C-alpha atoms as a PDB file:
ATOM      1  CA  MET A   1     -31.112   3.311 -27.320  1.00  0.00           C
ATOM      2  CA  THR A   2     -31.906   6.509 -25.065  1.00  0.00           C
ATOM      3  CA  PRO A   3     -29.894   9.071 -25.070  1.00  0.00           C
ATOM      4  CA  ARG A   4     -28.958   8.893 -21.325  1.00  0.00           C
ATOM      5  CA  HIS A   5     -27.698   5.296 -22.473  1.00  0.00           C
ATOM      6  CA  LEU A   6     -25.599   7.246 -25.106  1.00  0.00           C
ATOM      7  CA  PHE A   7     -24.156   9.305 -22.186  1.00  0.00           C
ATOM      8  CA  LEU A   8     -23.509   6.436 -20.398  1.00  0.00           C
ATOM      9  CA  VAL A   9     -21.585   4.889 -22.711  1.00  0.00           C
ATOM     10  CA  ALA A  10     -19.493   7.824 -23.887  1.00  0.00           C
ATOM     11  CA  ALA A  11     -18.458   8.697 -20.454  1.00  0.00           C
ATOM     12  CA  ALA A  12     -17.089   5.238 -20.013  1.00  0.00           C
ATOM     13  CA  VAL A  13     -15.186   5.725 -22.758  1.00  0.00           C
ATOM     14  CA  LEU A  14     -13.618   8.747 -22.207  1.00  0.00           C
ATOM     15  CA  LEU A  15     -13.167   7.931 -18.638  1.00  0.00           C
ATOM     16  CA  ALA A  16     -10.948   4.312 -19.662  1.00  0.00           C
ATOM     17  CA  SER A  17      -9.299   6.505 -22.517  1.00  0.00           C
ATOM     18  CA  GLY A  18      -7.745   9.089 -19.737  1.00  0.00           C
ATOM     19  CA  PHE A  19      -6.495   5.797 -17.623  1.00  0.00           C
ATOM     20  CA  VAL A  20      -4.968   4.418 -21.000  1.00  0.00           C
ATOM     21  CA  PHE A  21      -3.307   7.976 -21.312  1.00  0.00           C
ATOM     22  CA  ALA A  22      -2.467   8.265 -17.770  1.00  0.00           C
ATOM     23  CA  GLN A  23      -0.610   4.939 -17.726  1.00  0.00           C
ATOM     24  CA  THR A  24       1.156   5.249 -21.173  1.00  0.00           C
ATOM     25  CA  ARG A  25       2.714   8.489 -20.474  1.00  0.00           C
ATOM     26  CA  PRO A  26       6.823   9.109 -20.105  1.00  0.00           C
ATOM     27  CA  THR A  27       8.469  10.336 -17.314  1.00  0.00           C
ATOM     28  CA  VAL A  28       9.462  13.910 -17.059  1.00  0.00           C
ATOM     29  CA  VAL A  29      12.463  14.847 -15.092  1.00  0.00           C
ATOM     30  CA  THR A  30      13.219  18.494 -15.921  1.00  0.00           C
ATOM     31  CA  GLY A  31      15.935  20.828 -14.824  1.00  0.00           C
ATOM     32  CA  SER A  32      18.347  18.721 -12.426  1.00  0.00           C
ATOM     33  CA  ALA A  33      16.375  16.453 -11.129  1.00  0.00           C
ATOM     34  CA  GLN A  34      17.000  12.604 -11.449  1.00  0.00           C
ATOM     35  CA  PRO A  35      14.599  10.009 -12.232  1.00  0.00           C
ATOM     36  CA  THR A  36      13.417   7.816 -10.141  1.00  0.00           C
ATOM     37  CA  LYS A  37      15.610   5.104  -8.601  1.00  0.00           C
ATOM     38  CA  LYS A  38      14.583   1.067  -7.807  1.00  0.00           C
ATOM     39  CA  TRP A  39      15.019  -0.432  -4.770  1.00  0.00           C
ATOM     40  CA  ASP A  40      15.128  -3.549  -3.448  1.00  0.00           C
ATOM     41  CA  SER A  41      14.497  -4.079   0.508  1.00  0.00           C
ATOM     42  CA  PHE A  42      13.896  -6.491   3.227  1.00  0.00           C
ATOM     43  CA  CYS A  43      13.814  -5.883   6.984  1.00  0.00           C
ATOM     44  CA  ALA A  44      16.496  -8.770   9.161  1.00  0.00           C
ATOM     45  CA  GLY A  45      14.609 -10.200  12.449  1.00  0.00           C
ATOM     46  CA  ALA A  46      16.701 -10.208  15.678  1.00  0.00           C
ATOM     47  CA  VAL A  47      16.073 -14.313  16.064  1.00  0.00           C
ATOM     48  CA  GLY A  48      16.446 -15.049  12.349  1.00  0.00           C
ATOM     49  CA  SER A  49      19.751 -12.915  11.938  1.00  0.00           C
ATOM     50  CA  GLY A  50      21.615 -14.711  15.168  1.00  0.00           C
ATOM     51  CA  VAL A  51      21.703 -11.189  17.081  1.00  0.00           C
ATOM     52  CA  LYS A  52      22.170 -12.743  20.877  1.00  0.00           C
ATOM     53  CA  ASN A  53      22.168  -8.919  22.611  1.00  0.00           C
ATOM     54  CA  ASP A  54      19.221  -6.828  20.944  1.00  0.00           C
ATOM     55  CA  SER A  55      19.428  -3.956  23.682  1.00  0.00           C
ATOM     56  CA  VAL A  56      19.953  -0.748  22.188  1.00  0.00           C
ATOM     57  CA  ASP A  57      22.727  -0.056  24.878  1.00  0.00           C
ATOM     58  CA  GLU A  58      24.754  -3.067  23.637  1.00  0.00           C
ATOM     59  CA  ALA A  59      23.982  -2.743  19.513  1.00  0.00           C
ATOM     60  CA  HIS A  60      27.682  -2.278  19.473  1.00  0.00           C
ATOM     61  CA  GLU A  61      29.027  -5.764  20.893  1.00  0.00           C
ATOM     62  CA  PRO A  62      30.062  -8.817  18.722  1.00  0.00           C
ATOM     63  CA  ALA A  63      26.862  -9.967  19.828  1.00  0.00           C
ATOM     64  CA  GLY A  64      24.679  -7.355  18.856  1.00  0.00           C
ATOM     65  CA  TRP A  65      23.264  -5.079  15.858  1.00  0.00           C
ATOM     66  CA  ASN A  66      26.532  -4.107  14.711  1.00  0.00           C
ATOM     67  CA  ALA A  67      27.877  -7.251  13.544  1.00  0.00           C
ATOM     68  CA  VAL A  68      24.710  -7.826  11.437  1.00  0.00           C
ATOM     69  CA  MET A  69      24.512  -4.365  10.255  1.00  0.00           C
ATOM     70  CA  LYS A  70      28.465  -5.118   9.152  1.00  0.00           C
ATOM     71  CA  ARG A  71      27.802  -7.975   7.645  1.00  0.00           C
ATOM     72  CA  TYR A  72      24.965  -6.766   5.370  1.00  0.00           C
ATOM     73  CA  GLY A  73      26.644  -3.485   4.718  1.00  0.00           C
ATOM     74  CA  GLU A  74      29.547  -5.713   2.860  1.00  0.00           C
ATOM     75  CA  GLY A  75      26.890  -7.039   0.531  1.00  0.00           C
ATOM     76  CA  GLY A  76      25.623  -4.002  -0.904  1.00  0.00           C
ATOM     77  CA  TRP A  77      23.225  -3.181   1.763  1.00  0.00           C
ATOM     78  CA  GLU A  78      22.280  -0.271   3.692  1.00  0.00           C
ATOM     79  CA  PRO A  79      20.394   0.152   6.720  1.00  0.00           C
ATOM     80  CA  TYR A  80      17.235   2.428   6.391  1.00  0.00           C
ATOM     81  CA  GLN A  81      15.170   1.985   9.339  1.00  0.00           C
ATOM     82  CA  MET A  82      14.954   0.477  12.728  1.00  0.00           C
ATOM     83  CA  LEU A  83      12.302  -1.459  14.246  1.00  0.00           C
ATOM     84  CA  THR A  84      12.018  -0.897  17.892  1.00  0.00           C
ATOM     85  CA  GLU A  85      10.365  -2.178  20.816  1.00  0.00           C
ATOM     86  CA  GLY A  86      11.298  -0.168  24.004  1.00  0.00           C
ATOM     87  CA  LYS A  87      15.061  -0.432  24.388  1.00  0.00           C
ATOM     88  CA  LYS A  88      15.266  -3.501  22.220  1.00  0.00           C
ATOM     89  CA  ILE A  89      15.857  -3.343  18.643  1.00  0.00           C
ATOM     90  CA  SER A  90      13.336  -6.483  17.115  1.00  0.00           C
ATOM     91  CA  GLY A  91      14.702  -5.454  13.661  1.00  0.00           C
ATOM     92  CA  VAL A  92      16.604  -3.517  10.750  1.00  0.00           C
ATOM     93  CA  CYS A  93      15.445  -2.845   7.413  1.00  0.00           C
ATOM     94  CA  PHE A  94      17.759  -2.750   4.815  1.00  0.00           C
ATOM     95  CA  LYS A  95      17.559  -1.298   0.942  1.00  0.00           C
ATOM     96  CA  ARG A  96      20.330  -1.573  -2.119  1.00  0.00           C
ATOM     97  CA  GLN A  97      19.694   0.095  -5.474  1.00  0.00           C
ATOM     98  CA  LEU A  98      18.912  -1.964  -8.572  1.00  0.00           C
ATOM     99  CA  PRO A  99      20.845  -1.830 -11.197  1.00  0.00           C
END
């Protein structure tokens, strides 16, 4: 084995050990910081959710997004993003915290 091969092997071992160390470090929470929360999320489309009036102006109507948001809200889901196309809401993304 030449010195070049020894150097490459040593570099590969050091690199691999660095990756292993980075993966096994515990998460540090300092001060009043809260640990990271895990979330479950999904996006509901207008057609699949049964929304008949997908206009932004008619979102509060019974056939609009208001009923869908209320239904998912009762299940513990909270909206975090609206997907729009012009003046139409094509989908809403919901999330809830995992236990």
